[in-house]
Amino acid sequence: MIQLSPAAIGEVKRLRIKHLGAASGVLRITVSASGCAGLLYTLKFEPIAQPQDRVFICEDLQVAVDAQSFPTIDGLLLDYSEDLMGGGFRFHNPNAVQTCGCGNSFAVSAV
C-alpha cells in the first residue's frame, strides 16, 4: 500500500495542474538503481496508468507503481513539508534500512 499525507496530496494536485495542464493524470512512483545509497525514488506525472501497474487511490489522486518497484516501497508514506530552505517531498519507507542525507536515495536489505 502507498499513502500520501494531506500536505503531499495538496502539492501533487498543484504540480499535476502545472505539469500536465489538467486536473487529471497519474502520479508515478518508481525506484531505480542509482543514488548514493543504491536506490533512488522518482516521481513523475503520466496521463494514465499502465495495465500492469499497482494503482492506489489517495483521496482523488491515482498513484501508480510498477511491479518491479513495488516490493521496495510497499508501505511508503509520501509527505510534503516546507521550511526556510524551501519545500520538498519526504519518503517514509518502512523497507529502507539506510537512507542518504538527500532523502531521495535509500537501500533495502537483501532478499
Protein backbone atom coordinates (compact mmCIF):
# COMPACT_ATOMS: atom_id res chain seq x y z
CA MET A 1 0.00 0.00 0.00
CA ILE A 2 1.15 3.53 -0.79
CA GLN A 3 -0.18 6.51 1.17
CA LEU A 4 0.11 10.26 0.76
CA SER A 5 -0.20 12.76 3.59
CA PRO A 6 -2.70 15.62 3.21
CA ALA A 7 0.21 18.00 2.54
CA ALA A 8 1.59 15.71 -0.19
CA ILE A 9 -1.86 15.39 -1.78
CA GLY A 10 -2.18 19.17 -1.97
CA GLU A 11 1.25 19.60 -3.51
CA VAL A 12 0.75 16.76 -6.00
CA LYS A 13 -2.53 18.32 -7.14
CA ARG A 14 -0.83 21.71 -7.60
CA LEU A 15 2.07 20.18 -9.54
CA ARG A 16 -0.19 17.98 -11.66
CA ILE A 17 -2.01 21.04 -13.00
CA LYS A 18 1.30 22.82 -13.57
CA HIS A 19 2.94 19.90 -15.43
CA LEU A 20 0.02 18.26 -17.20
CA GLY A 21 -2.15 21.32 -17.58
CA ALA A 22 -5.07 19.30 -16.27
CA ALA A 23 -6.63 18.21 -13.01
CA SER A 24 -6.38 14.57 -14.07
CA GLY A 25 -3.42 12.26 -14.50
CA VAL A 26 -1.46 9.72 -12.53
CA LEU A 27 1.45 10.23 -10.15
CA ARG A 28 4.01 7.52 -10.91
CA ILE A 29 6.49 6.49 -8.23
CA THR A 30 9.41 4.40 -9.44
CA VAL A 31 12.58 3.06 -7.93
CA SER A 32 15.79 2.72 -9.93
CA ALA A 33 19.31 1.55 -9.19
CA SER A 34 21.01 4.89 -8.62
CA GLY A 35 21.82 7.41 -5.93
CA CYS A 36 24.39 7.35 -3.17
CA ALA A 37 22.58 4.66 -1.13
CA GLY A 38 21.89 2.39 -4.11
CA LEU A 39 18.23 3.05 -4.97
CA LEU A 40 16.55 6.28 -6.00
CA TYR A 41 12.90 7.41 -5.87
CA THR A 42 11.49 9.12 -8.95
CA LEU A 43 8.17 10.97 -9.15
CA LYS A 44 6.57 11.90 -12.45
CA PHE A 45 3.17 12.52 -13.97
CA GLU A 46 1.60 10.46 -16.71
CA PRO A 47 -1.79 10.77 -18.39
CA ILE A 48 -2.86 7.20 -17.48
CA ALA A 49 -1.65 4.17 -15.54
CA GLN A 50 -0.41 1.09 -17.37
CA PRO A 51 -2.34 -2.22 -17.11
CA GLN A 52 0.46 -3.95 -15.14
CA ASP A 53 0.73 -1.14 -12.54
CA ARG A 54 -0.37 -1.33 -8.94
CA VAL A 55 -2.69 1.68 -8.58
CA PHE A 56 -3.55 3.26 -5.24
CA ILE A 57 -6.20 5.91 -4.67
CA CYS A 58 -5.31 8.67 -2.22
CA GLU A 59 -8.37 10.91 -1.95
CA ASP A 60 -9.00 11.58 -5.64
CA LEU A 61 -5.40 11.02 -6.78
CA GLN A 62 -4.21 7.91 -8.58
CA VAL A 63 -0.73 6.74 -7.64
CA ALA A 64 0.84 4.14 -9.94
CA VAL A 65 3.75 1.86 -9.06
CA ASP A 66 5.29 -0.65 -11.45
CA ALA A 67 5.63 -4.28 -10.37
CA GLN A 68 9.43 -4.09 -10.09
CA SER A 69 9.40 -1.04 -7.79
CA PHE A 70 6.51 -2.09 -5.57
CA PRO A 71 8.26 -4.59 -3.23
CA THR A 72 10.84 -1.98 -2.18
CA ILE A 73 8.25 0.72 -1.41
CA ASP A 74 5.26 -1.26 -0.13
CA GLY A 75 4.05 0.68 2.91
CA LEU A 76 5.53 4.00 1.74
CA LEU A 77 4.11 7.24 3.15
CA LEU A 78 4.86 10.21 0.91
CA ASP A 79 4.81 13.51 2.79
CA TYR A 80 5.50 17.11 1.81
CA SER A 81 6.86 19.83 4.03
CA GLU A 82 8.24 23.33 3.73
CA ASP A 83 10.89 25.09 5.77
CA LEU A 84 13.02 28.20 5.39
CA MET A 85 15.12 26.47 2.71
CA GLY A 86 12.09 25.55 0.58
CA GLY A 87 9.75 22.61 0.25
CA GLY A 88 10.14 19.03 -0.73
CA PHE A 89 8.69 15.56 -0.66
CA ARG A 90 9.72 13.26 2.18
CA PHE A 91 9.72 9.49 1.73
CA HIS A 92 8.90 7.41 4.82
CA ASN A 93 9.67 3.89 3.64
CA PRO A 94 9.43 1.05 6.19
CA ASN A 95 11.58 -1.14 3.91
CA ALA A 96 14.56 1.23 3.85
CA VAL A 97 17.45 0.11 6.03
CA GLN A 98 19.63 3.06 5.00
CA THR A 99 18.87 6.50 3.60
CA CYS A 100 21.03 9.21 2.16
CA GLY A 101 21.08 12.74 3.54
CA CYS A 102 19.19 13.95 0.45
CA GLY A 103 16.23 11.75 1.42
CA ASN A 104 15.72 10.51 -2.14
CA SER A 105 18.22 7.66 -2.11
CA PHE A 106 17.88 4.54 0.02
CA ALA A 107 18.87 0.92 0.44
CA VAL A 108 16.88 -2.17 1.40
CA SER A 109 18.14 -5.39 2.93
CA ALA A 110 18.98 -8.20 0.52
CA VAL A 111 16.15 -10.61 -0.10
